[in-house]
Amino acid sequence: MAAFSLNHFVHFEGDAFQSAGVLQLTKNQADDQNITSSTGRATYNQPVPIWDAETGRLTDFTTHFSFIIKALDRDNYGDGLSFFLAPYDSKIPPNSSGGFLALFSPETAITNISSNQIVAVELDSYMNEWDPSDDHVGINLNSIVSVANVTWRSSIKNGSIAYA
């Protein structure tokens, strides 16, 4: 498996870091006392235009990637990860660990409010009260509650490679 190639365009937030060419979004040591609330994001550090202001034409894109989500404990694992579009220079909200996936604070997560301004694809591996199941891929619009979802047989429980 090829290592994730990072350059000076990636901005790390929270607990995210690069290690041996691999992107780590959260702490990964069992002896770290705060691993259960570890939260991190990696974003592109320049604005990404998604439409042409003159013509109003939207940009489209396609991506394919592989990743591994590996739990240190098969019975006690994280909530998953997300790929998101948000306003340039958005930051990790306070108290956004766990099921909030570093996207929403508990106060803004459930209500679909336009001030959230976020679109995300969540690869969810843990069932929270707002989730349809533990393992699912969801589309989120301004809320952690998915507007559409499908079952996903996540690799978090066995550390295998997942493809998206």
C-alpha atoms as a PDB file:
ATOM      1  CA  MET A   1       0.000   0.000   0.000  1.00  0.00           C
ATOM      2  CA  ALA A   2       1.410   3.388  -0.993  1.00  0.00           C
ATOM      3  CA  ALA A   3       1.872   5.989   1.708  1.00  0.00           C
ATOM      4  CA  PHE A   4      -0.282   9.093   1.707  1.00  0.00           C
ATOM      5  CA  SER A   5       1.729  11.880   0.075  1.00  0.00           C
ATOM      6  CA  LEU A   6       1.543  15.072   2.116  1.00  0.00           C
ATOM      7  CA  ASN A   7       2.882  18.468   1.136  1.00  0.00           C
ATOM      8  CA  HIS A   8       2.768  22.018   2.439  1.00  0.00           C
ATOM      9  CA  PHE A   9      -0.900  22.385   1.366  1.00  0.00           C
ATOM     10  CA  VAL A  10      -2.267  20.199   4.177  1.00  0.00           C
ATOM     11  CA  HIS A  11      -3.328  21.907   7.404  1.00  0.00           C
ATOM     12  CA  PHE A  12      -3.490  19.708  10.511  1.00  0.00           C
ATOM     13  CA  GLU A  13      -5.899  20.555  13.348  1.00  0.00           C
ATOM     14  CA  GLY A  14      -6.425  19.080  16.768  1.00  0.00           C
ATOM     15  CA  ASP A  15      -4.742  15.706  17.185  1.00  0.00           C
ATOM     16  CA  ALA A  16      -4.117  15.092  13.453  1.00  0.00           C
ATOM     17  CA  PHE A  17      -0.525  14.435  12.370  1.00  0.00           C
ATOM     18  CA  GLN A  18       1.634  12.761   9.739  1.00  0.00           C
ATOM     19  CA  SER A  19       3.650   9.689  10.638  1.00  0.00           C
ATOM     20  CA  ALA A  20       5.793   7.762   8.150  1.00  0.00           C
ATOM     21  CA  GLY A  21       3.832   9.192   5.206  1.00  0.00           C
ATOM     22  CA  VAL A  22       0.488   8.204   6.720  1.00  0.00           C
ATOM     23  CA  LEU A  23      -2.224  10.657   7.753  1.00  0.00           C
ATOM     24  CA  GLN A  24      -3.341  10.071  11.349  1.00  0.00           C
ATOM     25  CA  LEU A  25      -6.483  11.968  12.388  1.00  0.00           C
ATOM     26  CA  THR A  26      -6.454  11.003  16.069  1.00  0.00           C
ATOM     27  CA  LYS A  27      -4.059   9.892  18.765  1.00  0.00           C
ATOM     28  CA  ASN A  28      -3.008   6.298  18.326  1.00  0.00           C
ATOM     29  CA  GLN A  29      -1.331   5.215  21.541  1.00  0.00           C
ATOM     30  CA  ALA A  30      -3.108   3.016  24.063  1.00  0.00           C
ATOM     31  CA  ASP A  31      -1.180   4.637  26.923  1.00  0.00           C
ATOM     32  CA  ASP A  32      -2.524   8.115  26.067  1.00  0.00           C
ATOM     33  CA  GLN A  33      -5.130   8.965  28.705  1.00  0.00           C
ATOM     34  CA  ASN A  34      -7.145  11.192  26.363  1.00  0.00           C
ATOM     35  CA  ILE A  35      -7.418   8.834  23.404  1.00  0.00           C
ATOM     36  CA  THR A  36     -11.184   8.409  23.872  1.00  0.00           C
ATOM     37  CA  SER A  37     -11.850  12.083  23.124  1.00  0.00           C
ATOM     38  CA  SER A  38      -9.195  12.500  20.450  1.00  0.00           C
ATOM     39  CA  THR A  39     -10.303  14.688  17.537  1.00  0.00           C
ATOM     40  CA  GLY A  40      -8.439  15.794  14.443  1.00  0.00           C
ATOM     41  CA  ARG A  41      -8.882  17.136  10.923  1.00  0.00           C
ATOM     42  CA  ALA A  42      -6.681  17.563   7.890  1.00  0.00           C
ATOM     43  CA  THR A  43      -7.761  20.183   5.361  1.00  0.00           C
ATOM     44  CA  TYR A  44      -6.452  21.890   2.272  1.00  0.00           C
ATOM     45  CA  ASN A  45      -5.011  25.213   3.439  1.00  0.00           C
ATOM     46  CA  GLN A  46      -6.135  27.269   0.429  1.00  0.00           C
ATOM     47  CA  PRO A  47      -9.679  28.144  -0.672  1.00  0.00           C
ATOM     48  CA  VAL A  48     -11.080  25.637  -3.174  1.00  0.00           C
ATOM     49  CA  PRO A  49     -13.488  27.265  -5.636  1.00  0.00           C
ATOM     50  CA  ILE A  50     -16.511  25.058  -6.257  1.00  0.00           C
ATOM     51  CA  TRP A  51     -18.255  27.386  -8.702  1.00  0.00           C
ATOM     52  CA  ASP A  52     -17.361  30.067 -11.207  1.00  0.00           C
ATOM     53  CA  ALA A  53     -18.636  33.408  -9.885  1.00  0.00           C
ATOM     54  CA  GLU A  54     -19.043  34.851 -13.402  1.00  0.00           C
ATOM     55  CA  THR A  55     -20.947  31.969 -14.993  1.00  0.00           C
ATOM     56  CA  GLY A  56     -22.474  30.336 -11.909  1.00  0.00           C
ATOM     57  CA  ARG A  57     -21.189  26.996 -13.226  1.00  0.00           C
ATOM     58  CA  LEU A  58     -20.554  24.407 -10.502  1.00  0.00           C
ATOM     59  CA  THR A  59     -17.407  22.328 -10.292  1.00  0.00           C
ATOM     60  CA  ASP A  60     -17.621  18.559 -10.147  1.00  0.00           C
ATOM     61  CA  PHE A  61     -14.994  16.057  -9.103  1.00  0.00           C
ATOM     62  CA  THR A  62     -14.445  12.362  -8.583  1.00  0.00           C
ATOM     63  CA  THR A  63     -12.053  10.718  -6.176  1.00  0.00           C
ATOM     64  CA  HIS A  64     -11.012   7.188  -5.255  1.00  0.00           C
ATOM     65  CA  PHE A  65      -8.929   6.275  -2.254  1.00  0.00           C
ATOM     66  CA  SER A  66      -8.146   3.507   0.182  1.00  0.00           C
ATOM     67  CA  PHE A  67      -7.780   3.808   3.922  1.00  0.00           C
ATOM     68  CA  ILE A  68      -7.532   1.821   7.130  1.00  0.00           C
ATOM     69  CA  ILE A  69      -9.340   2.625  10.346  1.00  0.00           C
ATOM     70  CA  LYS A  70      -7.719   0.474  12.981  1.00  0.00           C
ATOM     71  CA  ALA A  71      -9.064   0.257  16.515  1.00  0.00           C
ATOM     72  CA  LEU A  72      -6.630  -0.461  19.318  1.00  0.00           C
ATOM     73  CA  ASP A  73      -9.387  -2.426  21.055  1.00  0.00           C
ATOM     74  CA  ARG A  74     -11.905  -4.434  18.970  1.00  0.00           C
ATOM     75  CA  ASP A  75     -14.648  -3.849  21.549  1.00  0.00           C
ATOM     76  CA  ASN A  76     -14.004  -0.136  22.166  1.00  0.00           C
ATOM     77  CA  TYR A  77     -13.466   1.900  19.006  1.00  0.00           C
ATOM     78  CA  GLY A  78     -14.025   5.308  17.451  1.00  0.00           C
ATOM     79  CA  ASP A  79     -17.004   6.684  15.577  1.00  0.00           C
ATOM     80  CA  GLY A  80     -15.546   6.914  12.072  1.00  0.00           C
ATOM     81  CA  LEU A  81     -14.429   9.701   9.779  1.00  0.00           C
ATOM     82  CA  SER A  82     -15.825  12.136   7.251  1.00  0.00           C
ATOM     83  CA  PHE A  83     -14.908  13.919   4.058  1.00  0.00           C
ATOM     84  CA  PHE A  84     -16.409  17.381   4.027  1.00  0.00           C
ATOM     85  CA  LEU A  85     -16.814  20.703   2.265  1.00  0.00           C
ATOM     86  CA  ALA A  86     -17.030  23.733   4.540  1.00  0.00           C
ATOM     87  CA  PRO A  87     -16.211  27.423   4.279  1.00  0.00           C
ATOM     88  CA  TYR A  88     -12.517  28.189   3.935  1.00  0.00           C
ATOM     89  CA  ASP A  89     -10.695  28.360   7.248  1.00  0.00           C
ATOM     90  CA  SER A  90     -13.419  26.578   9.252  1.00  0.00           C
ATOM     91  CA  LYS A  91     -12.150  25.162  12.538  1.00  0.00           C
ATOM     92  CA  ILE A  92     -12.880  22.116  14.675  1.00  0.00           C
ATOM     93  CA  PRO A  93     -15.852  23.066  16.874  1.00  0.00           C
ATOM     94  CA  PRO A  94     -15.500  22.698  20.654  1.00  0.00           C
ATOM     95  CA  ASN A  95     -16.576  19.326  22.086  1.00  0.00           C
ATOM     96  CA  SER A  96     -16.850  17.753  18.619  1.00  0.00           C
ATOM     97  CA  SER A  97     -15.227  14.392  19.376  1.00  0.00           C
ATOM     98  CA  GLY A  98     -16.916  11.027  18.986  1.00  0.00           C
ATOM     99  CA  GLY A  99     -20.072  10.951  16.905  1.00  0.00           C
ATOM    100  CA  PHE A 100     -19.750  14.636  16.026  1.00  0.00           C
ATOM    101  CA  LEU A 101     -16.751  13.658  13.807  1.00  0.00           C
ATOM    102  CA  ALA A 102     -14.942  16.998  14.356  1.00  0.00           C
ATOM    103  CA  LEU A 103     -17.692  18.683  12.303  1.00  0.00           C
ATOM    104  CA  PHE A 104     -20.295  19.935  14.789  1.00  0.00           C
ATOM    105  CA  SER A 105     -20.599  20.962  18.410  1.00  0.00           C
ATOM    106  CA  PRO A 106     -23.304  19.217  20.455  1.00  0.00           C
ATOM    107  CA  GLU A 107     -25.369  22.432  20.332  1.00  0.00           C
ATOM    108  CA  THR A 108     -25.476  22.614  16.513  1.00  0.00           C
ATOM    109  CA  ALA A 109     -25.167  18.968  15.459  1.00  0.00           C
ATOM    110  CA  ILE A 110     -28.769  17.778  15.281  1.00  0.00           C
ATOM    111  CA  THR A 111     -30.538  20.859  13.944  1.00  0.00           C
ATOM    112  CA  ASN A 112     -30.109  21.432  10.215  1.00  0.00           C
ATOM    113  CA  ILE A 113     -29.272  25.111  10.336  1.00  0.00           C
ATOM    114  CA  SER A 114     -27.791  26.993   7.410  1.00  0.00           C
ATOM    115  CA  SER A 115     -25.178  28.632   9.637  1.00  0.00           C
ATOM    116  CA  ASN A 116     -23.431  25.225   9.851  1.00  0.00           C
ATOM    117  CA  GLN A 117     -22.581  25.457   6.107  1.00  0.00           C
ATOM    118  CA  ILE A 118     -21.205  21.960   5.688  1.00  0.00           C
ATOM    119  CA  VAL A 119     -21.683  19.007   3.369  1.00  0.00           C
ATOM    120  CA  ALA A 120     -20.082  15.735   4.417  1.00  0.00           C
ATOM    121  CA  VAL A 121     -19.818  12.081   3.525  1.00  0.00           C
ATOM    122  CA  GLU A 122     -19.511  10.201   6.799  1.00  0.00           C
ATOM    123  CA  LEU A 123     -18.037   6.725   7.114  1.00  0.00           C
ATOM    124  CA  ASP A 124     -19.657   5.893  10.427  1.00  0.00           C
ATOM    125  CA  SER A 125     -18.715   2.891  12.532  1.00  0.00           C
ATOM    126  CA  TYR A 126     -20.517   3.536  15.809  1.00  0.00           C
ATOM    127  CA  MET A 127     -24.237   3.914  16.435  1.00  0.00           C
ATOM    128  CA  ASN A 128     -25.215   7.170  18.107  1.00  0.00           C
ATOM    129  CA  GLU A 129     -28.817   8.107  18.939  1.00  0.00           C
ATOM    130  CA  TRP A 130     -29.218   9.934  15.583  1.00  0.00           C
ATOM    131  CA  ASP A 131     -27.714   7.121  13.453  1.00  0.00           C
ATOM    132  CA  PRO A 132     -29.676   4.509  11.472  1.00  0.00           C
ATOM    133  CA  SER A 133     -27.122   1.774  12.308  1.00  0.00           C
ATOM    134  CA  ASP A 134     -23.569   1.386  13.523  1.00  0.00           C
ATOM    135  CA  ASP A 135     -21.912   0.801  10.134  1.00  0.00           C
ATOM    136  CA  HIS A 136     -23.156   3.167   7.442  1.00  0.00           C
ATOM    137  CA  VAL A 137     -22.104   5.743   4.882  1.00  0.00           C
ATOM    138  CA  GLY A 138     -24.179   8.889   5.213  1.00  0.00           C
ATOM    139  CA  ILE A 139     -24.629  12.161   3.376  1.00  0.00           C
ATOM    140  CA  ASN A 140     -24.862  15.059   5.817  1.00  0.00           C
ATOM    141  CA  LEU A 141     -26.131  18.562   5.010  1.00  0.00           C
ATOM    142  CA  ASN A 142     -25.596  21.137   7.784  1.00  0.00           C
ATOM    143  CA  SER A 143     -26.263  18.447  10.418  1.00  0.00           C
ATOM    144  CA  ILE A 144     -24.751  15.240  11.787  1.00  0.00           C
ATOM    145  CA  VAL A 145     -28.048  13.513  10.942  1.00  0.00           C
ATOM    146  CA  SER A 146     -27.690  11.881   7.516  1.00  0.00           C
ATOM    147  CA  VAL A 147     -30.191  12.842   4.820  1.00  0.00           C
ATOM    148  CA  ALA A 148     -29.357   9.589   2.993  1.00  0.00           C
ATOM    149  CA  ASN A 149     -27.395   6.496   4.010  1.00  0.00           C
ATOM    150  CA  VAL A 150     -26.433   2.971   3.019  1.00  0.00           C
ATOM    151  CA  THR A 151     -25.005   0.095   5.041  1.00  0.00           C
ATOM    152  CA  TRP A 152     -21.205  -0.027   5.147  1.00  0.00           C
ATOM    153  CA  ARG A 153     -19.227  -3.009   6.332  1.00  0.00           C
ATOM    154  CA  SER A 154     -16.518  -0.925   7.982  1.00  0.00           C
ATOM    155  CA  SER A 155     -12.976  -2.068   8.442  1.00  0.00           C
ATOM    156  CA  ILE A 156     -12.554  -0.469  11.876  1.00  0.00           C
ATOM    157  CA  LYS A 157     -13.228  -3.693  13.729  1.00  0.00           C
ATOM    158  CA  ASN A 158     -10.616  -5.721  11.844  1.00  0.00           C
ATOM    159  CA  GLY A 159      -8.169  -3.133  10.440  1.00  0.00           C
ATOM    160  CA  SER A 160      -8.618  -4.174   6.808  1.00  0.00           C
ATOM    161  CA  ILE A 161      -8.298  -1.813   3.848  1.00  0.00           C
ATOM    162  CA  ALA A 162     -11.484   0.016   2.868  1.00  0.00           C
ATOM    163  CA  TYR A 163     -12.025   1.515  -0.574  1.00  0.00           C
ATOM    164  CA  ALA A 164     -14.113   4.553  -1.423  1.00  0.00           C
END
